[in-house]
Protein backbone atom coordinates (compact mmCIF):
# COMPACT_ATOMS: atom_id res chain seq x y z
CA MET A 1 32.92 8.39 22.78
CA ARG A 2 31.43 4.96 22.41
CA ARG A 3 28.01 6.24 23.50
CA LEU A 4 28.29 9.03 20.91
CA ALA A 5 28.97 6.58 18.20
CA ALA A 6 26.15 4.29 19.24
CA ALA A 7 23.76 7.08 19.36
CA LEU A 8 24.77 8.26 15.86
CA LEU A 9 24.35 4.59 14.56
CA VAL A 10 20.96 4.51 16.09
CA LEU A 11 19.83 7.82 14.64
CA THR A 12 21.03 6.84 11.26
CA ALA A 13 19.16 3.61 11.27
CA PHE A 14 16.00 5.25 12.08
CA ALA A 15 16.49 7.93 9.37
CA SER A 16 17.02 5.20 6.67
CA LEU A 17 13.80 3.43 7.90
CA ALA A 18 11.84 6.51 7.70
CA GLY A 19 12.25 6.62 3.86
CA CYS A 20 10.83 3.08 3.39
CA ALA A 21 7.14 3.82 3.49
CA GLN A 22 5.40 3.04 0.19
CA ASP A 23 3.02 5.78 -1.06
CA PHE A 24 0.91 4.99 -4.17
CA ASP A 25 -1.87 7.03 -5.71
CA ARG A 26 -5.36 6.08 -4.40
CA GLY A 27 -7.61 4.34 -6.90
CA PRO A 28 -11.09 4.97 -7.51
CA ASP A 29 -14.09 4.13 -4.99
CA GLY A 30 -15.67 0.86 -6.02
CA GLN A 31 -15.79 -2.95 -5.58
CA VAL A 32 -12.44 -4.89 -5.70
CA THR A 33 -13.12 -7.45 -8.57
CA ASP A 34 -9.52 -8.89 -8.69
CA LYS A 35 -6.15 -8.89 -6.92
CA VAL A 36 -2.76 -9.25 -8.86
CA LYS A 37 0.61 -10.02 -7.42
CA ASP A 38 3.44 -9.49 -9.70
CA GLY A 39 6.73 -10.56 -7.97
CA LYS A 40 6.93 -7.86 -5.16
CA LYS A 41 4.28 -5.49 -6.80
CA PHE A 42 0.80 -5.58 -5.62
CA TYR A 43 -2.30 -4.42 -7.65
CA LEU A 44 -6.00 -4.19 -7.07
CA VAL A 45 -8.59 -4.23 -9.80
CA VAL A 46 -11.75 -1.99 -8.81
CA ASN A 47 -14.94 -1.69 -10.67
CA PRO A 48 -15.75 2.12 -10.16
CA ALA A 49 -18.92 2.85 -8.08
CA LYS A 50 -19.84 5.61 -10.60
CA GLY A 51 -19.55 3.41 -13.58
CA GLY A 52 -16.90 3.16 -16.21
CA ASN A 53 -14.17 0.68 -16.86
CA GLU A 54 -12.38 -1.45 -14.34
CA LYS A 55 -9.06 0.16 -13.05
CA LYS A 56 -5.95 -1.60 -12.02
CA PHE A 57 -3.70 0.33 -9.79
CA ARG A 58 -0.68 -0.37 -7.57
CA VAL A 59 -0.95 -0.71 -3.74
CA SER A 60 1.09 -1.44 -0.78
CA LYS A 61 1.24 -5.27 0.26
CA TYR A 62 -0.63 -4.23 3.53
CA ASP A 63 -3.55 -2.85 1.43
CA TYR A 64 -3.46 -5.88 -0.91
CA HIS A 65 -3.82 -8.20 2.12
CA ASP A 66 -6.58 -6.01 3.54
CA CYS A 67 -8.80 -5.98 0.66
CA ASN A 68 -10.54 -9.11 -0.57
CA ARG A 69 -12.54 -9.67 -3.70
CA GLY A 70 -15.97 -8.20 -3.41
CA SER A 71 -14.93 -5.71 -0.66
CA LYS A 72 -15.52 -1.97 -1.13
CA TYR A 73 -12.33 0.12 -1.81
CA PRO A 74 -11.27 2.32 -0.02
CA LYS A 75 -13.22 1.15 2.97
CA CYS A 76 -11.24 -2.06 3.17
CA VAL A 77 -7.94 -0.09 3.59
CA ASP A 78 -9.41 2.08 6.19
CA ASP A 79 -10.82 -0.59 8.54
């Protein structure tokens, strides 16, 4: 009985962690011009390669740390 309870507890923990992944819309291809951190929200500002205005969009903290100013987005995320 204890093994069954332990197994159910482990399965519940894995199931709850599976829903924690952040999934944000991908921004435009271009050069990262700025990085903005607002509390626990992370943003990149990209100058699009095809011209147009800079675009600010939300990213995961991992993408935020992987992309430096001047790097190419989304290549900085994929590397």
